[in-house]
Every structure is written in structure tokens, then in C-alpha cells.
Full PDB file with SEQRES, HELIX, SHEET, SSBOND, CRYST1, ORIGX, SCALE, CONECT and MASTER records, all heavy atoms in Angstrom:
SEQRES   1 A   40  VAL ALA PRO VAL ARG GLU GLU ASN ARG GLN LEU LEU ILE          
SEQRES   2 A   40  ASP TYR LEU GLY THR ARG LEU ILE GLY SER ILE PRO VAL          
SEQRES   3 A   40  ASN LEU GLU LEU PRO TRP THR SER PHE LYS GLU TYR LEU          
SEQRES   4 A   40  ASN                                                          
HELIX    1 AA1 GLU A    6  ASN A    8  5                                   3    
HELIX    2 AA2 ARG A    9  LEU A   16  1                                   8    
HELIX    3 AA3 LEU A   20  GLY A   22  5                                   3    
HELIX    4 AA4 PHE A   35  LEU A   39  1                                   5    
CRYST1    1.000    1.000    1.000  90.00  90.00  90.00 P 1           1          
ORIGX1      1.000000  0.000000  0.000000        0.00000                         
ORIGX2      0.000000  1.000000  0.000000        0.00000                         
ORIGX3      0.000000  0.000000  1.000000        0.00000                         
SCALE1      1.000000  0.000000  0.000000        0.00000                         
SCALE2      0.000000  1.000000  0.000000        0.00000                         
SCALE3      0.000000  0.000000  1.000000        0.00000                         
ATOM      1  N   VAL A   1      14.763   1.159   6.592  1.00  0.00           N  
ATOM      2  CA  VAL A   1      14.351  -0.089   5.949  1.00  0.00           C  
ATOM      3  C   VAL A   1      12.822  -0.272   5.977  1.00  0.00           C  
ATOM      4  O   VAL A   1      12.327  -1.356   5.657  1.00  0.00           O  
ATOM      5  CB  VAL A   1      15.056  -1.298   6.580  1.00  0.00           C  
ATOM      6  CG1 VAL A   1      16.555  -1.218   6.344  1.00  0.00           C  
ATOM      7  CG2 VAL A   1      14.760  -1.389   8.083  1.00  0.00           C  
ATOM      8  N   ALA A   2      12.099   0.746   6.344  1.00  0.00           N  
ATOM      9  CA  ALA A   2      10.640   0.699   6.369  1.00  0.00           C  
ATOM     10  C   ALA A   2      10.133   2.156   6.416  1.00  0.00           C  
ATOM     11  O   ALA A   2      10.844   3.041   6.899  1.00  0.00           O  
ATOM     12  CB  ALA A   2      10.134  -0.062   7.593  1.00  0.00           C  
ATOM     13  N   PRO A   3       8.922   2.387   5.887  1.00  0.00           N  
ATOM     14  CA  PRO A   3       7.994   1.426   5.301  1.00  0.00           C  
ATOM     15  C   PRO A   3       8.376   1.030   3.882  1.00  0.00           C  
ATOM     16  O   PRO A   3       9.205   1.698   3.244  1.00  0.00           O  
ATOM     17  CB  PRO A   3       6.675   2.191   5.325  1.00  0.00           C  
ATOM     18  CG  PRO A   3       7.094   3.629   5.185  1.00  0.00           C  
ATOM     19  CD  PRO A   3       8.375   3.742   5.953  1.00  0.00           C  
ATOM     20  N   VAL A   4       7.766  -0.049   3.416  1.00  0.00           N  
ATOM     21  CA  VAL A   4       8.068  -0.600   2.091  1.00  0.00           C  
ATOM     22  C   VAL A   4       6.780  -0.751   1.298  1.00  0.00           C  
ATOM     23  O   VAL A   4       5.809  -1.337   1.794  1.00  0.00           O  
ATOM     24  CB  VAL A   4       8.747  -1.974   2.209  1.00  0.00           C  
ATOM     25  CG1 VAL A   4       9.194  -2.460   0.834  1.00  0.00           C  
ATOM     26  CG2 VAL A   4       9.926  -1.942   3.178  1.00  0.00           C  
ATOM     27  N   ARG A   5       6.749  -0.195   0.108  1.00  0.00           N  
ATOM     28  CA  ARG A   5       5.639  -0.441  -0.817  1.00  0.00           C  
ATOM     29  C   ARG A   5       6.012  -1.659  -1.671  1.00  0.00           C  
ATOM     30  O   ARG A   5       7.112  -1.720  -2.228  1.00  0.00           O  
ATOM     31  CB  ARG A   5       5.404   0.784  -1.700  1.00  0.00           C  
ATOM     32  CG  ARG A   5       4.764   1.962  -0.972  1.00  0.00           C  
ATOM     33  CD  ARG A   5       3.248   1.872  -1.011  1.00  0.00           C  
ATOM     34  NE  ARG A   5       2.633   2.924  -0.204  1.00  0.00           N  
ATOM     35  CZ  ARG A   5       2.335   4.139  -0.648  1.00  0.00           C  
ATOM     36  NH1 ARG A   5       2.619   4.494  -1.883  1.00  0.00           N  
ATOM     37  NH2 ARG A   5       1.744   5.003   0.149  1.00  0.00           N  
ATOM     38  N   GLU A   6       5.099  -2.588  -1.804  1.00  0.00           N  
ATOM     39  CA  GLU A   6       5.398  -3.863  -2.469  1.00  0.00           C  
ATOM     40  C   GLU A   6       5.930  -3.639  -3.876  1.00  0.00           C  
ATOM     41  O   GLU A   6       6.885  -4.313  -4.313  1.00  0.00           O  
ATOM     42  CB  GLU A   6       4.157  -4.760  -2.496  1.00  0.00           C  
ATOM     43  CG  GLU A   6       4.479  -6.226  -2.729  1.00  0.00           C  
ATOM     44  CD  GLU A   6       5.452  -6.787  -1.720  1.00  0.00           C  
ATOM     45  OE1 GLU A   6       5.242  -6.578  -0.508  1.00  0.00           O  
ATOM     46  OE2 GLU A   6       6.447  -7.423  -2.142  1.00  0.00           O  
ATOM     47  N   GLU A   7       5.367  -2.696  -4.610  1.00  0.00           N  
ATOM     48  CA  GLU A   7       5.771  -2.500  -6.007  1.00  0.00           C  
ATOM     49  C   GLU A   7       7.193  -1.967  -6.123  1.00  0.00           C  
ATOM     50  O   GLU A   7       7.822  -2.094  -7.192  1.00  0.00           O  
ATOM     51  CB  GLU A   7       4.797  -1.540  -6.722  1.00  0.00           C  
ATOM     52  CG  GLU A   7       4.700  -0.154  -6.121  1.00  0.00           C  
ATOM     53  CD  GLU A   7       3.602  -0.024  -5.071  1.00  0.00           C  
ATOM     54  OE1 GLU A   7       3.278  -1.055  -4.430  1.00  0.00           O  
ATOM     55  OE2 GLU A   7       3.103   1.092  -4.862  1.00  0.00           O  
ATOM     56  N   ASN A   8       7.710  -1.391  -5.052  1.00  0.00           N  
ATOM     57  CA  ASN A   8       9.079  -0.858  -5.078  1.00  0.00           C  
ATOM     58  C   ASN A   8      10.011  -1.574  -4.105  1.00  0.00           C  
ATOM     59  O   ASN A   8      11.092  -1.088  -3.820  1.00  0.00           O  
ATOM     60  CB  ASN A   8       9.070   0.645  -4.773  1.00  0.00           C  
ATOM     61  CG  ASN A   8       8.529   1.469  -5.932  1.00  0.00           C  
ATOM     62  OD1 ASN A   8       8.662   1.070  -7.065  1.00  0.00           O  
ATOM     63  ND2 ASN A   8       7.887   2.582  -5.639  1.00  0.00           N  
ATOM     64  N   ARG A   9       9.572  -2.730  -3.592  1.00  0.00           N  
ATOM     65  CA  ARG A   9      10.361  -3.462  -2.578  1.00  0.00           C  
ATOM     66  C   ARG A   9      11.762  -3.831  -3.124  1.00  0.00           C  
ATOM     67  O   ARG A   9      12.773  -3.575  -2.478  1.00  0.00           O  
ATOM     68  CB  ARG A   9       9.626  -4.732  -2.136  1.00  0.00           C  
ATOM     69  CG  ARG A   9      10.390  -5.544  -1.093  1.00  0.00           C  
ATOM     70  CD  ARG A   9       9.599  -6.772  -0.687  1.00  0.00           C  
ATOM     71  NE  ARG A   9       8.377  -6.417   0.029  1.00  0.00           N  
ATOM     72  CZ  ARG A   9       8.331  -6.195   1.352  1.00  0.00           C  
ATOM     73  NH1 ARG A   9       9.420  -6.313   2.101  1.00  0.00           N  
ATOM     74  NH2 ARG A   9       7.186  -5.858   1.921  1.00  0.00           N  
ATOM     75  N   GLN A  10      11.791  -4.450  -4.310  1.00  0.00           N  
ATOM     76  CA  GLN A  10      13.108  -4.865  -4.834  1.00  0.00           C  
ATOM     77  C   GLN A  10      13.955  -3.669  -5.206  1.00  0.00           C  
ATOM     78  O   GLN A  10      15.191  -3.713  -5.050  1.00  0.00           O  
ATOM     79  CB  GLN A  10      12.920  -5.767  -6.071  1.00  0.00           C  
ATOM     80  CG  GLN A  10      14.182  -6.515  -6.463  1.00  0.00           C  
ATOM     81  CD  GLN A  10      14.733  -7.389  -5.333  1.00  0.00           C  
ATOM     82  OE1 GLN A  10      13.983  -8.149  -4.698  1.00  0.00           O  
ATOM     83  NE2 GLN A  10      16.030  -7.280  -5.063  1.00  0.00           N  
ATOM     84  N   LEU A  11      13.329  -2.594  -5.655  1.00  0.00           N  
ATOM     85  CA  LEU A  11      14.072  -1.363  -5.967  1.00  0.00           C  
ATOM     86  C   LEU A  11      14.783  -0.857  -4.710  1.00  0.00           C  
ATOM     87  O   LEU A  11      15.948  -0.444  -4.766  1.00  0.00           O  
ATOM     88  CB  LEU A  11      13.101  -0.316  -6.492  1.00  0.00           C  
ATOM     89  CG  LEU A  11      13.674   0.900  -7.230  1.00  0.00           C  
ATOM     90  CD1 LEU A  11      14.316   0.460  -8.551  1.00  0.00           C  
ATOM     91  CD2 LEU A  11      12.579   1.913  -7.504  1.00  0.00           C  
ATOM     92  N   LEU A  12      14.078  -0.895  -3.563  1.00  0.00           N  
ATOM     93  CA  LEU A  12      14.671  -0.454  -2.309  1.00  0.00           C  
ATOM     94  C   LEU A  12      15.762  -1.414  -1.865  1.00  0.00           C  
ATOM     95  O   LEU A  12      16.847  -0.976  -1.451  1.00  0.00           O  
ATOM     96  CB  LEU A  12      13.591  -0.349  -1.239  1.00  0.00           C  
ATOM     97  CG  LEU A  12      14.067  -0.013   0.194  1.00  0.00           C  
ATOM     98  CD1 LEU A  12      14.820   1.314   0.218  1.00  0.00           C  
ATOM     99  CD2 LEU A  12      12.903   0.006   1.163  1.00  0.00           C  
ATOM    100  N   ILE A  13      15.522  -2.721  -1.939  1.00  0.00           N  
ATOM    101  CA  ILE A  13      16.524  -3.697  -1.523  1.00  0.00           C  
ATOM    102  C   ILE A  13      17.807  -3.536  -2.332  1.00  0.00           C  
ATOM    103  O   ILE A  13      18.915  -3.537  -1.789  1.00  0.00           O  
ATOM    104  CB  ILE A  13      15.960  -5.132  -1.647  1.00  0.00           C  
ATOM    105  CG1 ILE A  13      14.894  -5.370  -0.576  1.00  0.00           C  
ATOM    106  CG2 ILE A  13      17.077  -6.163  -1.519  1.00  0.00           C  
ATOM    107  CD1 ILE A  13      14.159  -6.684  -0.717  1.00  0.00           C  
ATOM    108  N   ASP A  14      17.659  -3.394  -3.645  1.00  0.00           N  
ATOM    109  CA  ASP A  14      18.839  -3.212  -4.495  1.00  0.00           C  
ATOM    110  C   ASP A  14      19.595  -1.955  -4.105  1.00  0.00           C  
ATOM    111  O   ASP A  14      20.834  -1.939  -4.081  1.00  0.00           O  
ATOM    112  CB  ASP A  14      18.441  -3.143  -5.971  1.00  0.00           C  
ATOM    113  CG  ASP A  14      17.958  -4.478  -6.504  1.00  0.00           C  
ATOM    114  OD1 ASP A  14      18.198  -5.507  -5.859  1.00  0.00           O  
ATOM    115  OD2 ASP A  14      17.314  -4.484  -7.595  1.00  0.00           O  
ATOM    116  N   TYR A  15      18.867  -0.887  -3.830  1.00  0.00           N  
ATOM    117  CA  TYR A  15      19.506   0.366  -3.445  1.00  0.00           C  
ATOM    118  C   TYR A  15      20.202   0.255  -2.094  1.00  0.00           C  
ATOM    119  O   TYR A  15      21.333   0.747  -1.923  1.00  0.00           O  
ATOM    120  CB  TYR A  15      18.476   1.499  -3.441  1.00  0.00           C  
ATOM    121  CG  TYR A  15      19.070   2.835  -3.082  1.00  0.00           C  
ATOM    122  CD1 TYR A  15      20.091   3.377  -3.846  1.00  0.00           C  
ATOM    123  CD2 TYR A  15      18.650   3.546  -1.970  1.00  0.00           C  
ATOM    124  CE1 TYR A  15      20.662   4.605  -3.533  1.00  0.00           C  
ATOM    125  CE2 TYR A  15      19.199   4.774  -1.633  1.00  0.00           C  
ATOM    126  CZ  TYR A  15      20.213   5.294  -2.427  1.00  0.00           C  
ATOM    127  OH  TYR A  15      20.781   6.501  -2.097  1.00  0.00           O  
ATOM    128  N   LEU A  16      19.553  -0.385  -1.135  1.00  0.00           N  
ATOM    129  CA  LEU A  16      20.176  -0.559   0.179  1.00  0.00           C  
ATOM    130  C   LEU A  16      21.524  -1.263   0.051  1.00  0.00           C  
ATOM    131  O   LEU A  16      22.458  -0.995   0.816  1.00  0.00           O  
ATOM    132  CB  LEU A  16      19.256  -1.344   1.112  1.00  0.00           C  
ATOM    133  CG  LEU A  16      17.972  -0.653   1.579  1.00  0.00           C  
ATOM    134  CD1 LEU A  16      17.099  -1.621   2.357  1.00  0.00           C  
ATOM    135  CD2 LEU A  16      18.287   0.571   2.404  1.00  0.00           C  
ATOM    136  N   GLY A  17      21.626  -2.167  -0.919  1.00  0.00           N  
ATOM    137  CA  GLY A  17      22.872  -2.889  -1.120  1.00  0.00           C  
ATOM    138  C   GLY A  17      24.027  -2.004  -1.532  1.00  0.00           C  
ATOM    139  O   GLY A  17      25.202  -2.371  -1.339  1.00  0.00           O  
ATOM    140  N   THR A  18      23.738  -0.832  -2.077  1.00  0.00           N  
ATOM    141  CA  THR A  18      24.805   0.083  -2.504  1.00  0.00           C  
ATOM    142  C   THR A  18      25.228   1.007  -1.366  1.00  0.00           C  
ATOM    143  O   THR A  18      26.185   1.761  -1.517  1.00  0.00           O  
ATOM    144  CB  THR A  18      24.380   0.946  -3.696  1.00  0.00           C  
ATOM    145  OG1 THR A  18      23.392   1.908  -3.269  1.00  0.00           O  
ATOM    146  CG2 THR A  18      23.788   0.092  -4.802  1.00  0.00           C  
ATOM    147  N   ARG A  19      24.508   0.988  -0.278  1.00  0.00           N  
ATOM    148  CA  ARG A  19      24.768   1.879   0.844  1.00  0.00           C  
ATOM    149  C   ARG A  19      25.330   1.094   2.028  1.00  0.00           C  
ATOM    150  O   ARG A  19      25.186  -0.128   2.127  1.00  0.00           O  
ATOM    151  CB  ARG A  19      23.461   2.597   1.243  1.00  0.00           C  
ATOM    152  CG  ARG A  19      22.833   3.417   0.126  1.00  0.00           C  
ATOM    153  CD  ARG A  19      23.610   4.677  -0.153  1.00  0.00           C  
ATOM    154  NE  ARG A  19      23.654   5.486   1.056  1.00  0.00           N  
ATOM    155  CZ  ARG A  19      22.677   6.314   1.434  1.00  0.00           C  
ATOM    156  NH1 ARG A  19      21.612   6.453   0.684  1.00  0.00           N  
ATOM    157  NH2 ARG A  19      22.794   7.031   2.550  1.00  0.00           N  
ATOM    158  N   LEU A  20      25.933   1.798   2.971  1.00  0.00           N  
ATOM    159  CA  LEU A  20      26.534   1.156   4.132  1.00  0.00           C  
ATOM    160  C   LEU A  20      25.535   0.269   4.849  1.00  0.00           C  
ATOM    161  O   LEU A  20      25.847  -0.847   5.276  1.00  0.00           O  
ATOM    162  CB  LEU A  20      27.063   2.226   5.088  1.00  0.00           C  
ATOM    163  CG  LEU A  20      27.660   1.713   6.417  1.00  0.00           C  
ATOM    164  CD1 LEU A  20      28.834   0.796   6.156  1.00  0.00           C  
ATOM    165  CD2 LEU A  20      28.043   2.900   7.302  1.00  0.00           C  
ATOM    166  N   ILE A  21      24.313   0.731   4.985  1.00  0.00           N  
ATOM    167  CA  ILE A  21      23.286   0.021   5.726  1.00  0.00           C  
ATOM    168  C   ILE A  21      23.069  -1.389   5.202  1.00  0.00           C  
ATOM    169  O   ILE A  21      22.751  -2.303   5.953  1.00  0.00           O  
ATOM    170  CB  ILE A  21      21.956   0.836   5.643  1.00  0.00           C  
ATOM    171  CG1 ILE A  21      20.863   0.233   6.501  1.00  0.00           C  
ATOM    172  CG2 ILE A  21      21.463   0.948   4.235  1.00  0.00           C  
ATOM    173  CD1 ILE A  21      19.601   1.084   6.500  1.00  0.00           C  
ATOM    174  N   GLY A  22      23.289  -1.596   3.886  1.00  0.00           N  
ATOM    175  CA  GLY A  22      23.036  -2.904   3.276  1.00  0.00           C  
ATOM    176  C   GLY A  22      24.300  -3.601   2.785  1.00  0.00           C  
ATOM    177  O   GLY A  22      24.219  -4.486   1.935  1.00  0.00           O  
ATOM    178  N   SER A  23      25.451  -3.221   3.327  1.00  0.00           N  
ATOM    179  CA  SER A  23      26.708  -3.802   2.858  1.00  0.00           C  
ATOM    180  C   SER A  23      27.007  -5.150   3.499  1.00  0.00           C  
ATOM    181  O   SER A  23      28.032  -5.776   3.173  1.00  0.00           O  
ATOM    182  CB  SER A  23      27.857  -2.817   3.133  1.00  0.00           C  
ATOM    183  OG  SER A  23      27.956  -2.542   4.522  1.00  0.00           O  
ATOM    184  N   ILE A  24      26.161  -5.629   4.395  1.00  0.00           N  
ATOM    185  CA  ILE A  24      26.352  -6.924   5.045  1.00  0.00           C  
ATOM    186  C   ILE A  24      26.356  -8.007   3.957  1.00  0.00           C  
ATOM    187  O   ILE A  24      25.492  -8.011   3.061  1.00  0.00           O  
ATOM    188  CB  ILE A  24      25.228  -7.179   6.068  1.00  0.00           C  
ATOM    189  CG1 ILE A  24      25.165  -6.022   7.071  1.00  0.00           C  
ATOM    190  CG2 ILE A  24      25.427  -8.499   6.797  1.00  0.00           C  
ATOM    191  CD1 ILE A  24      23.901  -5.993   7.905  1.00  0.00           C  
ATOM    192  N   PRO A  25      27.288  -8.973   4.012  1.00  0.00           N  
ATOM    193  CA  PRO A  25      27.410  -9.966   2.953  1.00  0.00           C  
ATOM    194  C   PRO A  25      26.337 -11.066   3.019  1.00  0.00           C  
ATOM    195  O   PRO A  25      26.615 -12.240   3.282  1.00  0.00           O  
ATOM    196  CB  PRO A  25      28.821 -10.524   3.159  1.00  0.00           C  
ATOM    197  CG  PRO A  25      29.062 -10.377   4.617  1.00  0.00           C  
ATOM    198  CD  PRO A  25      28.383  -9.080   4.998  1.00  0.00           C  
ATOM    199  N   VAL A  26      25.094 -10.678   2.812  1.00  0.00           N  
ATOM    200  CA  VAL A  26      23.954 -11.606   2.831  1.00  0.00           C  
ATOM    201  C   VAL A  26      23.014 -11.179   1.702  1.00  0.00           C  
ATOM    202  O   VAL A  26      23.152 -10.089   1.142  1.00  0.00           O  
ATOM    203  CB  VAL A  26      23.197 -11.537   4.176  1.00  0.00           C  
ATOM    204  CG1 VAL A  26      24.067 -12.028   5.315  1.00  0.00           C  
ATOM    205  CG2 VAL A  26      22.661 -10.133   4.447  1.00  0.00           C  
ATOM    206  N   ASN A  27      22.040 -12.029   1.410  1.00  0.00           N  
ATOM    207  CA  ASN A  27      20.961 -11.634   0.519  1.00  0.00           C  
ATOM    208  C   ASN A  27      19.957 -10.857   1.378  1.00  0.00           C  
ATOM    209  O   ASN A  27      19.285 -11.449   2.236  1.00  0.00           O  
ATOM    210  CB  ASN A  27      20.321 -12.860  -0.111  1.00  0.00           C  
ATOM    211  CG  ASN A  27      21.231 -13.540  -1.109  1.00  0.00           C  
ATOM    212  OD1 ASN A  27      21.930 -12.863  -1.870  1.00  0.00           O  
ATOM    213  ND2 ASN A  27      21.218 -14.865  -1.118  1.00  0.00           N  
ATOM    214  N   LEU A  28      19.880  -9.584   1.150  1.00  0.00           N  
ATOM    215  CA  LEU A  28      19.063  -8.729   2.023  1.00  0.00           C  
ATOM    216  C   LEU A  28      17.583  -9.088   1.908  1.00  0.00           C  
ATOM    217  O   LEU A  28      17.067  -9.339   0.818  1.00  0.00           O  
ATOM    218  CB  LEU A  28      19.257  -7.258   1.639  1.00  0.00           C  
ATOM    219  CG  LEU A  28      20.656  -6.690   1.808  1.00  0.00           C  
ATOM    220  CD1 LEU A  28      20.695  -5.236   1.342  1.00  0.00           C  
ATOM    221  CD2 LEU A  28      21.112  -6.778   3.268  1.00  0.00           C  
ATOM    222  N   GLU A  29      16.943  -9.095   3.061  1.00  0.00           N  
ATOM    223  CA  GLU A  29      15.509  -9.339   3.126  1.00  0.00           C  
ATOM    224  C   GLU A  29      14.866  -8.300   4.039  1.00  0.00           C  
ATOM    225  O   GLU A  29      15.449  -7.902   5.039  1.00  0.00           O  
ATOM    226  CB  GLU A  29      15.211 -10.743   3.672  1.00  0.00           C  
ATOM    227  CG  GLU A  29      15.710 -11.868   2.773  1.00  0.00           C  
ATOM    228  CD  GLU A  29      15.442 -13.228   3.395  1.00  0.00           C  
ATOM    229  OE1 GLU A  29      15.072 -13.273   4.600  1.00  0.00           O  
ATOM    230  OE2 GLU A  29      15.602 -14.237   2.684  1.00  0.00           O  
ATOM    231  N   LEU A  30      13.676  -7.883   3.675  1.00  0.00           N  
ATOM    232  CA  LEU A  30      12.901  -6.930   4.494  1.00  0.00           C  
ATOM    233  C   LEU A  30      11.563  -7.597   4.822  1.00  0.00           C  
ATOM    234  O   LEU A  30      10.571  -7.383   4.123  1.00  0.00           O  
ATOM    235  CB  LEU A  30      12.687  -5.607   3.728  1.00  0.00           C  
ATOM    236  CG  LEU A  30      13.930  -4.922   3.205  1.00  0.00           C  
ATOM    237  CD1 LEU A  30      13.541  -3.641   2.452  1.00  0.00           C  
ATOM    238  CD2 LEU A  30      14.903  -4.588   4.317  1.00  0.00           C  
ATOM    239  N   PRO A  31      11.509  -8.380   5.896  1.00  0.00           N  
ATOM    240  CA  PRO A  31      10.284  -9.145   6.198  1.00  0.00           C  
ATOM    241  C   PRO A  31       9.241  -8.315   6.943  1.00  0.00           C  
ATOM    242  O   PRO A  31       8.716  -8.717   7.964  1.00  0.00           O  
ATOM    243  CB  PRO A  31      10.811 -10.281   7.081  1.00  0.00           C  
ATOM    244  CG  PRO A  31      11.992  -9.689   7.777  1.00  0.00           C  
ATOM    245  CD  PRO A  31      12.626  -8.736   6.784  1.00  0.00           C  
ATOM    246  N   TRP A  32       8.979  -7.136   6.444  1.00  0.00           N  
ATOM    247  CA  TRP A  32       7.983  -6.240   7.023  1.00  0.00           C  
ATOM    248  C   TRP A  32       7.522  -5.268   5.937  1.00  0.00           C  
ATOM    249  O   TRP A  32       8.140  -5.180   4.862  1.00  0.00           O  
ATOM    250  CB  TRP A  32       8.574  -5.458   8.214  1.00  0.00           C  
ATOM    251  CG  TRP A  32       9.939  -4.902   7.903  1.00  0.00           C  
ATOM    252  CD1 TRP A  32      10.243  -3.867   7.060  1.00  0.00           C  
ATOM    253  CD2 TRP A  32      11.203  -5.415   8.373  1.00  0.00           C  
ATOM    254  NE1 TRP A  32      11.609  -3.687   6.999  1.00  0.00           N  
ATOM    255  CE2 TRP A  32      12.215  -4.620   7.802  1.00  0.00           C  
ATOM    256  CE3 TRP A  32      11.553  -6.451   9.245  1.00  0.00           C  
ATOM    257  CZ2 TRP A  32      13.563  -4.842   8.057  1.00  0.00           C  
ATOM    258  CZ3 TRP A  32      12.897  -6.670   9.499  1.00  0.00           C  
ATOM    259  CH2 TRP A  32      13.882  -5.863   8.913  1.00  0.00           C  
ATOM    260  N   THR A  33       6.461  -4.573   6.205  1.00  0.00           N  
ATOM    261  CA  THR A  33       5.951  -3.583   5.255  1.00  0.00           C  
ATOM    262  C   THR A  33       5.879  -2.187   5.911  1.00  0.00           C  
ATOM    263  O   THR A  33       6.429  -1.234   5.387  1.00  0.00           O  
ATOM    264  CB  THR A  33       4.576  -3.988   4.724  1.00  0.00           C  
ATOM    265  OG1 THR A  33       4.704  -5.244   4.039  1.00  0.00           O  
ATOM    266  CG2 THR A  33       4.030  -2.946   3.758  1.00  0.00           C  
ATOM    267  N   SER A  34       5.236  -2.116   7.056  1.00  0.00           N  
ATOM    268  CA  SER A  34       5.069  -0.815   7.712  1.00  0.00           C  
ATOM    269  C   SER A  34       6.229  -0.520   8.661  1.00  0.00           C  
ATOM    270  O   SER A  34       7.000  -1.400   9.032  1.00  0.00           O  
ATOM    271  CB  SER A  34       3.760  -0.788   8.498  1.00  0.00           C  
ATOM    272  OG  SER A  34       3.843  -1.653   9.638  1.00  0.00           O  
ATOM    273  N   PHE A  35       6.325   0.731   9.050  1.00  0.00           N  
ATOM    274  CA  PHE A  35       7.330   1.155  10.030  1.00  0.00           C  
ATOM    275  C   PHE A  35       7.070   0.428  11.360  1.00  0.00           C  
ATOM    276  O   PHE A  35       8.001  -0.053  12.016  1.00  0.00           O  
ATOM    277  CB  PHE A  35       7.242   2.672  10.227  1.00  0.00           C  
ATOM    278  CG  PHE A  35       8.474   3.284  10.834  1.00  0.00           C  
ATOM    279  CD1 PHE A  35       9.625   3.454  10.082  1.00  0.00           C  
ATOM    280  CD2 PHE A  35       8.471   3.707  12.156  1.00  0.00           C  
ATOM    281  CE1 PHE A  35      10.762   4.044  10.653  1.00  0.00           C  
ATOM    282  CE2 PHE A  35       9.604   4.283  12.710  1.00  0.00           C  
ATOM    283  CZ  PHE A  35      10.742   4.445  11.973  1.00  0.00           C  
ATOM    284  N   LYS A  36       5.801   0.315  11.727  1.00  0.00           N  
ATOM    285  CA  LYS A  36       5.446  -0.355  12.974  1.00  0.00           C  
ATOM    286  C   LYS A  36       5.853  -1.819  12.954  1.00  0.00           C  
ATOM    287  O   LYS A  36       6.360  -2.357  13.960  1.00  0.00           O  
ATOM    288  CB  LYS A  36       3.945  -0.229  13.230  1.00  0.00           C  
ATOM    289  CG  LYS A  36       3.491  -0.819  14.543  1.00  0.00           C  
ATOM    290  CD  LYS A  36       2.001  -0.599  14.761  1.00  0.00           C  
ATOM    291  CE  LYS A  36       1.552  -1.163  16.098  1.00  0.00           C  
ATOM    292  NZ  LYS A  36       0.089  -0.937  16.329  1.00  0.00           N  
ATOM    293  N   GLU A  37       5.643  -2.486  11.823  1.00  0.00           N  
ATOM    294  CA  GLU A  37       6.028  -3.908  11.714  1.00  0.00           C  
ATOM    295  C   GLU A  37       7.528  -4.071  11.883  1.00  0.00           C  
ATOM    296  O   GLU A  37       7.987  -5.043  12.519  1.00  0.00           O  
ATOM    297  CB  GLU A  37       5.590  -4.474  10.361  1.00  0.00           C  
ATOM    298  CG  GLU A  37       4.090  -4.693  10.257  1.00  0.00           C  
ATOM    299  CD  GLU A  37       3.652  -5.053   8.855  1.00  0.00           C  
ATOM    300  OE1 GLU A  37       4.428  -4.858   7.897  1.00  0.00           O  
ATOM    301  OE2 GLU A  37       2.505  -5.500   8.710  1.00  0.00           O  
ATOM    302  N   TYR A  38       8.285  -3.150  11.330  1.00  0.00           N  
ATOM    303  CA  TYR A  38       9.747  -3.194  11.508  1.00  0.00           C  
ATOM    304  C   TYR A  38      10.121  -3.047  12.974  1.00  0.00           C  
ATOM    305  O   TYR A  38      10.898  -3.837  13.515  1.00  0.00           O  
ATOM    306  CB  TYR A  38      10.408  -2.089  10.672  1.00  0.00           C  
ATOM    307  CG  TYR A  38      11.865  -1.860  10.996  1.00  0.00           C  
ATOM    308  CD1 TYR A  38      12.797  -2.867  10.809  1.00  0.00           C  
ATOM    309  CD2 TYR A  38      12.306  -0.619  11.477  1.00  0.00           C  
ATOM    310  CE1 TYR A  38      14.151  -2.650  11.108  1.00  0.00           C  
ATOM    311  CE2 TYR A  38      13.639  -0.401  11.767  1.00  0.00           C  
ATOM    312  CZ  TYR A  38      14.558  -1.417  11.583  1.00  0.00           C  
ATOM    313  OH  TYR A  38      15.889  -1.193  11.886  1.00  0.00           O  
ATOM    314  N   LEU A  39       9.560  -2.060  13.655  1.00  0.00           N  
ATOM    315  CA  LEU A  39       9.883  -1.869  15.083  1.00  0.00           C  
ATOM    316  C   LEU A  39       9.390  -3.042  15.909  1.00  0.00           C  
ATOM    317  O   LEU A  39      10.077  -3.458  16.866  1.00  0.00           O  
ATOM    318  CB  LEU A  39       9.263  -0.579  15.587  1.00  0.00           C  
ATOM    319  CG  LEU A  39       9.724   0.735  14.905  1.00  0.00           C  
ATOM    320  CD1 LEU A  39       9.125   1.943  15.621  1.00  0.00           C  
ATOM    321  CD2 LEU A  39      11.239   0.844  14.877  1.00  0.00           C  
ATOM    322  N   ASN A  40       8.239  -3.609  15.561  1.00  0.00           N  
ATOM    323  CA  ASN A  40       7.720  -4.734  16.308  1.00  0.00           C  
ATOM    324  C   ASN A  40       8.585  -5.993  16.132  1.00  0.00           C  
ATOM    325  O   ASN A  40       8.535  -6.895  16.986  1.00  0.00           O  
ATOM    326  CB  ASN A  40       6.291  -5.054  15.880  1.00  0.00           C  
ATOM    327  CG  ASN A  40       5.284  -4.044  16.389  1.00  0.00           C  
ATOM    328  OD1 ASN A  40       5.604  -3.220  17.251  1.00  0.00           O  
ATOM    329  ND2 ASN A  40       4.078  -4.081  15.854  1.00  0.00           N  
TER     330      ASN A  40                                                      
MASTER        0    0    0    4    0    0    0    6  329    1    0    4          
END                                                                             
């Protein structure tokens, strides 16, 4: 779920929704950009 480039953020979110990782019944959000921000 990281890192995320802003121009492709929604493309990644939409794709995650088709995979097991994003199958949770919520509106997926990625409140980070870098790998470090995700781990932090």
C-alpha cells in the first residue's frame, strides 16, 4: 500500500479493491505517500 505517487493514487486504490488486500467493506484510504510514512 506504499509508496504512492499522487497522480496514480486513485488508480492504485481502485486496483487494491479488486485484490484480497483491499476486499475490506470500506472506502479504502491511503493516508500516506512514502513507504516510511506507512510504517510510521
